[in-house]
Amino acid sequence: MYSDIFGKEVPLLKNLTQEQLAALFVIRCSSIKEFMAKGRAKSELWGDTAKGLIMQMANEICYATNIQTNATKTIAKGVVLENDSIELVNRMYFENYTKNDLRLSNGIITGCPDIIDHGKRMIIDIKSSYSLDSFAKERFGKGTDYTAQLRGYLWLYDMDYGCTAHTLLNTPKELWKYGDNASMHNYDHIPAEDRVIIGNIVYRDIAWKQEVAERHALGLSMFLEYVEVFRNNGRELPLPPIEQVVDDLEEIEDTQAA
């Protein structure tokens, strides 16, 4: 069965009202970057990446099934070592942060950042790097852009600024890729201060929030259109071509005349 952003089981499509269906169109903060992607031409409001995201959201509801598209060893390491990464950040910056488990939604976006510092009005999202290669890129600003995700968190939690904290921790052996060895995944010899990189620093952006809200309203129409395609397309066998129908009728008339 399909579950919503809070883990609540969603009724089958045939049992959903149009209002309930529309309420399910909520963008995860981690997907905002995809959702905001435009086409290659300046006049193309929706790129293939954004369309694909919306179609996937519609398909999950239509088929009552969660679609797993990111079940990789990279993601798995981040989940397994999340608390260890937070502890490393605590040691580095003399803090006492704990994992945030409160997910919020405003009907447009939803998210659950790793760390909320209410005193500093700051969000920190932990990124446990899979390898030294992916980690080192962050130092030069060549890694993944998480600014949209962070801006979403600031909006939801009414915070002023945020950042990512990239950590480099040993990769559990069960998450190594084929052919890997210990020298590629053990980093204990690297000083702790060199195994945390702060990046993607962002601040509250009111204009950006308005842009996302307006795009969400447009995206909802596309989402509902995809649902209608599911309901109506590909459900009937094709009719014979009109020429064949005419020939069959003529053959019947000739037979009756004879």
C-alpha atoms as a PDB file:
ATOM      1  CA  MET A   1       0.000   0.000   0.000  1.00  0.00           C
ATOM      2  CA  TYR A   2       1.019   3.613  -0.530  1.00  0.00           C
ATOM      3  CA  SER A   3       1.837   5.803   2.470  1.00  0.00           C
ATOM      4  CA  ASP A   4       1.871   9.591   2.593  1.00  0.00           C
ATOM      5  CA  ILE A   5       4.741  11.807   3.818  1.00  0.00           C
ATOM      6  CA  PHE A   6       3.859  11.062   7.444  1.00  0.00           C
ATOM      7  CA  GLY A   7       3.653   7.289   6.947  1.00  0.00           C
ATOM      8  CA  LYS A   8      -0.151   7.218   6.949  1.00  0.00           C
ATOM      9  CA  GLU A   9      -1.742   4.712   4.589  1.00  0.00           C
ATOM     10  CA  VAL A  10      -3.473   6.411   1.640  1.00  0.00           C
ATOM     11  CA  PRO A  11      -6.809   5.027   0.346  1.00  0.00           C
ATOM     12  CA  LEU A  12      -6.972   3.607  -3.153  1.00  0.00           C
ATOM     13  CA  LEU A  13      -7.422   6.157  -5.933  1.00  0.00           C
ATOM     14  CA  LYS A  14     -11.047   5.159  -6.509  1.00  0.00           C
ATOM     15  CA  ASN A  15     -11.844   6.091  -2.906  1.00  0.00           C
ATOM     16  CA  LEU A  16     -10.168   9.510  -2.972  1.00  0.00           C
ATOM     17  CA  THR A  17     -12.099  12.729  -3.486  1.00  0.00           C
ATOM     18  CA  GLN A  18     -10.595  15.346  -5.792  1.00  0.00           C
ATOM     19  CA  GLU A  19      -9.786  17.448  -2.746  1.00  0.00           C
ATOM     20  CA  GLN A  20      -7.992  14.558  -1.021  1.00  0.00           C
ATOM     21  CA  LEU A  21      -6.082  13.805  -4.207  1.00  0.00           C
ATOM     22  CA  ALA A  22      -4.905  17.410  -4.573  1.00  0.00           C
ATOM     23  CA  ALA A  23      -3.782  17.465  -0.926  1.00  0.00           C
ATOM     24  CA  LEU A  24      -1.339  14.628  -1.680  1.00  0.00           C
ATOM     25  CA  PHE A  25       0.606  16.781  -4.117  1.00  0.00           C
ATOM     26  CA  VAL A  26       3.290  17.932  -1.688  1.00  0.00           C
ATOM     27  CA  ILE A  27       6.922  18.295  -2.777  1.00  0.00           C
ATOM     28  CA  ARG A  28       9.674  16.889  -0.578  1.00  0.00           C
ATOM     29  CA  CYS A  29      12.414  19.417   0.163  1.00  0.00           C
ATOM     30  CA  SER A  30      14.938  16.979  -1.289  1.00  0.00           C
ATOM     31  CA  SER A  31      13.015  17.133  -4.600  1.00  0.00           C
ATOM     32  CA  ILE A  32      12.496  20.903  -4.859  1.00  0.00           C
ATOM     33  CA  LYS A  33      15.527  21.302  -7.128  1.00  0.00           C
ATOM     34  CA  GLU A  34      14.017  18.781  -9.566  1.00  0.00           C
ATOM     35  CA  PHE A  35      10.576  20.356  -9.278  1.00  0.00           C
ATOM     36  CA  MET A  36      11.918  23.805 -10.158  1.00  0.00           C
ATOM     37  CA  ALA A  37      13.869  22.595 -13.201  1.00  0.00           C
ATOM     38  CA  LYS A  38      12.847  24.354 -16.417  1.00  0.00           C
ATOM     39  CA  GLY A  39      13.368  23.226 -19.997  1.00  0.00           C
ATOM     40  CA  ARG A  40      16.356  24.054 -22.158  1.00  0.00           C
ATOM     41  CA  ALA A  41      14.482  26.781 -24.005  1.00  0.00           C
ATOM     42  CA  LYS A  42      13.730  29.950 -22.036  1.00  0.00           C
ATOM     43  CA  SER A  43      10.055  29.631 -22.925  1.00  0.00           C
ATOM     44  CA  GLU A  44       9.863  26.047 -21.627  1.00  0.00           C
ATOM     45  CA  LEU A  45       8.454  26.306 -18.108  1.00  0.00           C
ATOM     46  CA  TRP A  46       8.722  22.597 -17.308  1.00  0.00           C
ATOM     47  CA  GLY A  47      11.806  20.522 -18.026  1.00  0.00           C
ATOM     48  CA  ASP A  48      11.788  16.743 -18.389  1.00  0.00           C
ATOM     49  CA  THR A  49      13.188  16.389 -14.861  1.00  0.00           C
ATOM     50  CA  ALA A  50      10.272  18.293 -13.307  1.00  0.00           C
ATOM     51  CA  LYS A  51       7.705  16.491 -15.449  1.00  0.00           C
ATOM     52  CA  GLY A  52       9.227  13.153 -14.511  1.00  0.00           C
ATOM     53  CA  LEU A  53       8.993  13.974 -10.806  1.00  0.00           C
ATOM     54  CA  ILE A  54       5.327  14.953 -11.059  1.00  0.00           C
ATOM     55  CA  MET A  55       4.531  11.847 -13.122  1.00  0.00           C
ATOM     56  CA  GLN A  56       6.225   9.661 -10.519  1.00  0.00           C
ATOM     57  CA  MET A  57       4.168  11.252  -7.747  1.00  0.00           C
ATOM     58  CA  ALA A  58       0.983  10.595  -9.727  1.00  0.00           C
ATOM     59  CA  ASN A  59       1.982   6.993 -10.456  1.00  0.00           C
ATOM     60  CA  GLU A  60       2.627   6.269  -6.784  1.00  0.00           C
ATOM     61  CA  ILE A  61      -0.939   7.259  -5.943  1.00  0.00           C
ATOM     62  CA  CYS A  62      -2.534   5.656  -8.997  1.00  0.00           C
ATOM     63  CA  TYR A  63      -0.860   2.314  -8.336  1.00  0.00           C
ATOM     64  CA  ALA A  64      -0.879   2.672  -4.521  1.00  0.00           C
ATOM     65  CA  THR A  65       2.827   1.837  -4.434  1.00  0.00           C
ATOM     66  CA  ASN A  66       5.880   3.764  -3.262  1.00  0.00           C
ATOM     67  CA  ILE A  67       8.447   3.998  -6.062  1.00  0.00           C
ATOM     68  CA  GLN A  68      11.999   3.537  -4.806  1.00  0.00           C
ATOM     69  CA  THR A  69      14.423   5.417  -7.057  1.00  0.00           C
ATOM     70  CA  ASN A  70      17.328   6.141  -4.726  1.00  0.00           C
ATOM     71  CA  ALA A  71      18.010   2.880  -2.859  1.00  0.00           C
ATOM     72  CA  THR A  72      21.771   3.090  -3.397  1.00  0.00           C
ATOM     73  CA  LYS A  73      24.743   2.271  -1.184  1.00  0.00           C
ATOM     74  CA  THR A  74      25.484   5.995  -1.049  1.00  0.00           C
ATOM     75  CA  ILE A  75      22.049   6.690   0.443  1.00  0.00           C
ATOM     76  CA  ALA A  76      22.325   3.677   2.741  1.00  0.00           C
ATOM     77  CA  LYS A  77      25.600   4.934   4.220  1.00  0.00           C
ATOM     78  CA  GLY A  78      23.980   8.264   4.989  1.00  0.00           C
ATOM     79  CA  VAL A  79      21.165   6.559   6.878  1.00  0.00           C
ATOM     80  CA  VAL A  80      23.382   4.121   8.784  1.00  0.00           C
ATOM     81  CA  LEU A  81      25.945   6.729   9.854  1.00  0.00           C
ATOM     82  CA  GLU A  82      23.641   9.699  10.416  1.00  0.00           C
ATOM     83  CA  ASN A  83      24.054   9.780  14.202  1.00  0.00           C
ATOM     84  CA  ASP A  84      27.812   9.183  13.959  1.00  0.00           C
ATOM     85  CA  SER A  85      28.062  12.130  11.570  1.00  0.00           C
ATOM     86  CA  ILE A  86      26.152  14.340  13.995  1.00  0.00           C
ATOM     87  CA  GLU A  87      28.556  13.315  16.765  1.00  0.00           C
ATOM     88  CA  LEU A  88      31.513  14.270  14.585  1.00  0.00           C
ATOM     89  CA  VAL A  89      29.972  17.705  13.993  1.00  0.00           C
ATOM     90  CA  ASN A  90      29.388  18.053  17.733  1.00  0.00           C
ATOM     91  CA  ARG A  91      33.041  17.302  18.479  1.00  0.00           C
ATOM     92  CA  MET A  92      34.231  19.752  15.885  1.00  0.00           C
ATOM     93  CA  TYR A  93      32.027  22.680  16.917  1.00  0.00           C
ATOM     94  CA  PHE A  94      31.540  21.937  20.633  1.00  0.00           C
ATOM     95  CA  GLU A  95      27.799  21.480  20.248  1.00  0.00           C
ATOM     96  CA  ASN A  96      25.314  18.962  21.587  1.00  0.00           C
ATOM     97  CA  TYR A  97      23.080  18.500  18.565  1.00  0.00           C
ATOM     98  CA  THR A  98      20.680  15.569  18.309  1.00  0.00           C
ATOM     99  CA  LYS A  99      18.801  14.187  15.339  1.00  0.00           C
ATOM    100  CA  ASN A 100      15.556  15.991  14.532  1.00  0.00           C
ATOM    101  CA  ASP A 101      12.653  13.640  13.804  1.00  0.00           C
ATOM    102  CA  LEU A 102       9.884  16.218  13.393  1.00  0.00           C
ATOM    103  CA  ARG A 103       8.605  16.381   9.822  1.00  0.00           C
ATOM    104  CA  LEU A 104       6.591  19.433   8.812  1.00  0.00           C
ATOM    105  CA  SER A 105       4.416  20.251   5.821  1.00  0.00           C
ATOM    106  CA  ASN A 106       2.748  23.460   4.691  1.00  0.00           C
ATOM    107  CA  GLY A 107       0.669  21.843   1.953  1.00  0.00           C
ATOM    108  CA  ILE A 108       3.205  22.847  -0.681  1.00  0.00           C
ATOM    109  CA  ILE A 109       6.458  21.300   0.533  1.00  0.00           C
ATOM    110  CA  THR A 110       7.486  18.907   3.288  1.00  0.00           C
ATOM    111  CA  GLY A 111      10.763  18.148   4.999  1.00  0.00           C
ATOM    112  CA  CYS A 112      12.657  16.884   8.021  1.00  0.00           C
ATOM    113  CA  PRO A 113      16.142  18.423   8.406  1.00  0.00           C
ATOM    114  CA  ASP A 114      18.724  16.641  10.513  1.00  0.00           C
ATOM    115  CA  ILE A 115      19.591  19.440  12.936  1.00  0.00           C
ATOM    116  CA  ILE A 116      17.593  22.477  14.117  1.00  0.00           C
ATOM    117  CA  ASP A 117      19.476  25.045  16.182  1.00  0.00           C
ATOM    118  CA  HIS A 118      16.647  27.157  17.603  1.00  0.00           C
ATOM    119  CA  GLY A 119      19.007  29.481  19.453  1.00  0.00           C
ATOM    120  CA  LYS A 120      20.869  30.448  16.293  1.00  0.00           C
ATOM    121  CA  ARG A 121      17.734  30.045  14.125  1.00  0.00           C
ATOM    122  CA  MET A 122      19.773  27.764  11.896  1.00  0.00           C
ATOM    123  CA  ILE A 123      19.232  24.499  10.012  1.00  0.00           C
ATOM    124  CA  ILE A 124      22.035  21.994   9.416  1.00  0.00           C
ATOM    125  CA  ASP A 125      21.548  19.023   7.127  1.00  0.00           C
ATOM    126  CA  ILE A 126      24.019  16.161   7.444  1.00  0.00           C
ATOM    127  CA  LYS A 127      25.534  14.616   4.310  1.00  0.00           C
ATOM    128  CA  SER A 128      27.647  11.524   5.011  1.00  0.00           C
ATOM    129  CA  SER A 129      29.918  11.293   1.976  1.00  0.00           C
ATOM    130  CA  TYR A 130      30.290   7.852   0.450  1.00  0.00           C
ATOM    131  CA  SER A 131      33.885   8.292  -0.648  1.00  0.00           C
ATOM    132  CA  LEU A 132      36.830  10.644  -0.343  1.00  0.00           C
ATOM    133  CA  ASP A 133      36.257  11.711  -3.939  1.00  0.00           C
ATOM    134  CA  SER A 134      32.688  12.910  -3.332  1.00  0.00           C
ATOM    135  CA  PHE A 135      33.691  14.479  -0.001  1.00  0.00           C
ATOM    136  CA  ALA A 136      36.702  16.413  -1.316  1.00  0.00           C
ATOM    137  CA  LYS A 137      34.651  18.040  -4.099  1.00  0.00           C
ATOM    138  CA  GLU A 138      32.599  19.877  -1.485  1.00  0.00           C
ATOM    139  CA  ARG A 139      35.671  21.851  -0.402  1.00  0.00           C
ATOM    140  CA  PHE A 140      35.810  23.425  -3.856  1.00  0.00           C
ATOM    141  CA  GLY A 141      32.063  23.887  -4.285  1.00  0.00           C
ATOM    142  CA  LYS A 142      31.947  21.144  -6.919  1.00  0.00           C
ATOM    143  CA  GLY A 143      29.557  18.824  -5.123  1.00  0.00           C
ATOM    144  CA  THR A 144      25.778  18.488  -5.283  1.00  0.00           C
ATOM    145  CA  ASP A 145      23.737  21.675  -4.929  1.00  0.00           C
ATOM    146  CA  TYR A 146      21.507  21.388  -1.854  1.00  0.00           C
ATOM    147  CA  THR A 147      20.496  25.036  -1.582  1.00  0.00           C
ATOM    148  CA  ALA A 148      16.897  24.484  -2.686  1.00  0.00           C
ATOM    149  CA  GLN A 149      16.464  21.715  -0.137  1.00  0.00           C
ATOM    150  CA  LEU A 150      17.830  23.955   2.614  1.00  0.00           C
ATOM    151  CA  ARG A 151      15.654  26.912   1.612  1.00  0.00           C
ATOM    152  CA  GLY A 152      12.668  24.600   1.889  1.00  0.00           C
ATOM    153  CA  TYR A 153      13.663  23.702   5.449  1.00  0.00           C
ATOM    154  CA  LEU A 154      14.056  27.379   6.360  1.00  0.00           C
ATOM    155  CA  TRP A 155      10.555  28.038   5.056  1.00  0.00           C
ATOM    156  CA  LEU A 156       8.971  25.144   6.944  1.00  0.00           C
ATOM    157  CA  TYR A 157      10.721  25.723  10.263  1.00  0.00           C
ATOM    158  CA  ASP A 158      10.811  29.550  10.117  1.00  0.00           C
ATOM    159  CA  MET A 159      14.599  29.691  10.431  1.00  0.00           C
ATOM    160  CA  ASP A 160      16.943  32.385   9.154  1.00  0.00           C
ATOM    161  CA  TYR A 161      19.838  30.486   7.602  1.00  0.00           C
ATOM    162  CA  GLY A 162      21.182  26.996   6.999  1.00  0.00           C
ATOM    163  CA  CYS A 163      23.972  24.862   5.606  1.00  0.00           C
ATOM    164  CA  THR A 164      25.070  21.327   4.898  1.00  0.00           C
ATOM    165  CA  ALA A 165      27.689  19.524   6.993  1.00  0.00           C
ATOM    166  CA  HIS A 166      29.516  16.940   4.900  1.00  0.00           C
ATOM    167  CA  THR A 167      31.302  14.237   6.876  1.00  0.00           C
ATOM    168  CA  LEU A 168      33.853  11.589   5.962  1.00  0.00           C
ATOM    169  CA  LEU A 169      33.423   8.421   8.026  1.00  0.00           C
ATOM    170  CA  ASN A 170      34.497   4.833   7.429  1.00  0.00           C
ATOM    171  CA  THR A 171      32.127   2.986   5.114  1.00  0.00           C
ATOM    172  CA  PRO A 172      30.685  -0.233   6.605  1.00  0.00           C
ATOM    173  CA  LYS A 173      32.045  -3.200   4.669  1.00  0.00           C
ATOM    174  CA  GLU A 174      28.580  -4.382   3.665  1.00  0.00           C
ATOM    175  CA  LEU A 175      28.183  -1.119   1.737  1.00  0.00           C
ATOM    176  CA  TRP A 176      31.408  -1.388  -0.265  1.00  0.00           C
ATOM    177  CA  LYS A 177      31.066  -1.739  -4.008  1.00  0.00           C
ATOM    178  CA  TYR A 178      32.403  -4.753  -5.881  1.00  0.00           C
ATOM    179  CA  GLY A 179      36.190  -4.649  -6.044  1.00  0.00           C
ATOM    180  CA  ASP A 180      36.605  -2.071  -3.258  1.00  0.00           C
ATOM    181  CA  ASN A 181      39.127  -2.528  -0.459  1.00  0.00           C
ATOM    182  CA  ALA A 182      39.745  -1.130   3.025  1.00  0.00           C
ATOM    183  CA  SER A 183      42.130   1.583   1.858  1.00  0.00           C
ATOM    184  CA  MET A 184      39.289   3.127  -0.153  1.00  0.00           C
ATOM    185  CA  HIS A 185      36.833   3.327   2.747  1.00  0.00           C
ATOM    186  CA  ASN A 186      38.791   3.728   5.994  1.00  0.00           C
ATOM    187  CA  TYR A 187      39.570   7.336   6.960  1.00  0.00           C
ATOM    188  CA  ASP A 188      40.637   7.129  10.594  1.00  0.00           C
ATOM    189  CA  HIS A 189      44.122   8.368   9.721  1.00  0.00           C
ATOM    190  CA  ILE A 190      42.693  11.723   8.550  1.00  0.00           C
ATOM    191  CA  PRO A 191      42.408  14.362  11.329  1.00  0.00           C
ATOM    192  CA  ALA A 192      38.836  14.954  12.484  1.00  0.00           C
ATOM    193  CA  GLU A 193      38.993  18.650  11.573  1.00  0.00           C
ATOM    194  CA  ASP A 194      39.623  17.659   7.955  1.00  0.00           C
ATOM    195  CA  ARG A 195      36.643  15.306   7.837  1.00  0.00           C
ATOM    196  CA  VAL A 196      33.888  17.918   8.121  1.00  0.00           C
ATOM    197  CA  ILE A 197      33.086  20.447   5.388  1.00  0.00           C
ATOM    198  CA  ILE A 198      30.423  23.141   5.763  1.00  0.00           C
ATOM    199  CA  GLY A 199      28.776  24.081   2.482  1.00  0.00           C
ATOM    200  CA  ASN A 200      25.626  25.286   0.664  1.00  0.00           C
ATOM    201  CA  ILE A 201      25.145  28.249   3.019  1.00  0.00           C
ATOM    202  CA  VAL A 202      21.740  29.855   2.384  1.00  0.00           C
ATOM    203  CA  TYR A 203      19.538  32.529   3.946  1.00  0.00           C
ATOM    204  CA  ARG A 204      15.798  33.113   4.109  1.00  0.00           C
ATOM    205  CA  ASP A 205      14.447  34.076   0.682  1.00  0.00           C
ATOM    206  CA  ILE A 206      10.867  35.395   0.527  1.00  0.00           C
ATOM    207  CA  ALA A 207      10.848  35.818  -3.256  1.00  0.00           C
ATOM    208  CA  TRP A 208      11.961  32.212  -3.702  1.00  0.00           C
ATOM    209  CA  LYS A 209       9.107  30.977  -1.493  1.00  0.00           C
ATOM    210  CA  GLN A 210       6.604  32.837  -3.656  1.00  0.00           C
ATOM    211  CA  GLU A 211       8.104  31.339  -6.802  1.00  0.00           C
ATOM    212  CA  VAL A 212       7.803  27.810  -5.411  1.00  0.00           C
ATOM    213  CA  ALA A 213       4.211  28.403  -4.268  1.00  0.00           C
ATOM    214  CA  GLU A 214       3.167  29.712  -7.696  1.00  0.00           C
ATOM    215  CA  ARG A 215       4.858  26.814  -9.466  1.00  0.00           C
ATOM    216  CA  HIS A 216       3.174  24.344  -7.130  1.00  0.00           C
ATOM    217  CA  ALA A 217      -0.236  25.635  -8.205  1.00  0.00           C
ATOM    218  CA  LEU A 218       0.702  25.064 -11.850  1.00  0.00           C
ATOM    219  CA  GLY A 219       2.249  21.688 -11.094  1.00  0.00           C
ATOM    220  CA  LEU A 220      -0.947  20.546  -9.391  1.00  0.00           C
ATOM    221  CA  SER A 221      -2.809  20.857 -12.690  1.00  0.00           C
ATOM    222  CA  MET A 222      -0.214  18.662 -14.398  1.00  0.00           C
ATOM    223  CA  PHE A 223      -0.390  16.163 -11.539  1.00  0.00           C
ATOM    224  CA  LEU A 224      -4.166  15.871 -11.865  1.00  0.00           C
ATOM    225  CA  GLU A 225      -3.850  15.509 -15.642  1.00  0.00           C
ATOM    226  CA  TYR A 226      -1.485  12.571 -15.178  1.00  0.00           C
ATOM    227  CA  VAL A 227      -4.044  10.951 -12.878  1.00  0.00           C
ATOM    228  CA  GLU A 228      -6.731  11.378 -15.544  1.00  0.00           C
ATOM    229  CA  VAL A 229      -4.427   9.744 -18.101  1.00  0.00           C
ATOM    230  CA  PHE A 230      -4.153   6.767 -15.762  1.00  0.00           C
ATOM    231  CA  ARG A 231      -7.917   6.571 -15.437  1.00  0.00           C
ATOM    232  CA  ASN A 232      -8.681   6.813 -19.144  1.00  0.00           C
ATOM    233  CA  ASN A 233      -5.764   5.703 -21.313  1.00  0.00           C
ATOM    234  CA  GLY A 234      -4.784   2.187 -22.349  1.00  0.00           C
ATOM    235  CA  ARG A 235      -7.949   0.490 -21.133  1.00  0.00           C
ATOM    236  CA  GLU A 236      -9.717  -0.522 -24.378  1.00  0.00           C
ATOM    237  CA  LEU A 237      -8.711  -2.735 -27.232  1.00  0.00           C
ATOM    238  CA  PRO A 238      -8.516  -0.855 -30.561  1.00  0.00           C
ATOM    239  CA  LEU A 239     -11.424  -0.837 -32.991  1.00  0.00           C
ATOM    240  CA  PRO A 240     -10.823  -2.111 -36.527  1.00  0.00           C
ATOM    241  CA  PRO A 241     -10.005   0.576 -39.112  1.00  0.00           C
ATOM    242  CA  ILE A 242     -13.025   2.125 -40.795  1.00  0.00           C
ATOM    243  CA  GLU A 243     -12.017   0.626 -44.161  1.00  0.00           C
ATOM    244  CA  GLN A 244     -12.214  -2.861 -42.675  1.00  0.00           C
ATOM    245  CA  VAL A 245     -15.637  -2.123 -41.210  1.00  0.00           C
ATOM    246  CA  VAL A 246     -16.912  -0.941 -44.604  1.00  0.00           C
ATOM    247  CA  ASP A 247     -15.515  -4.016 -46.340  1.00  0.00           C
ATOM    248  CA  ASP A 248     -17.124  -6.293 -43.777  1.00  0.00           C
ATOM    249  CA  LEU A 249     -20.507  -4.573 -44.213  1.00  0.00           C
ATOM    250  CA  GLU A 250     -20.279  -4.830 -47.985  1.00  0.00           C
ATOM    251  CA  GLU A 251     -19.415  -8.512 -47.719  1.00  0.00           C
ATOM    252  CA  ILE A 252     -22.429  -9.074 -45.456  1.00  0.00           C
ATOM    253  CA  GLU A 253     -24.712  -7.218 -47.893  1.00  0.00           C
ATOM    254  CA  ASP A 254     -23.392  -9.252 -50.846  1.00  0.00           C
ATOM    255  CA  THR A 255     -23.969 -12.472 -48.963  1.00  0.00           C
ATOM    256  CA  GLN A 256     -27.515 -11.482 -48.060  1.00  0.00           C
ATOM    257  CA  ALA A 257     -28.230 -10.409 -51.668  1.00  0.00           C
ATOM    258  CA  ALA A 258     -27.054 -13.765 -52.996  1.00  0.00           C
END
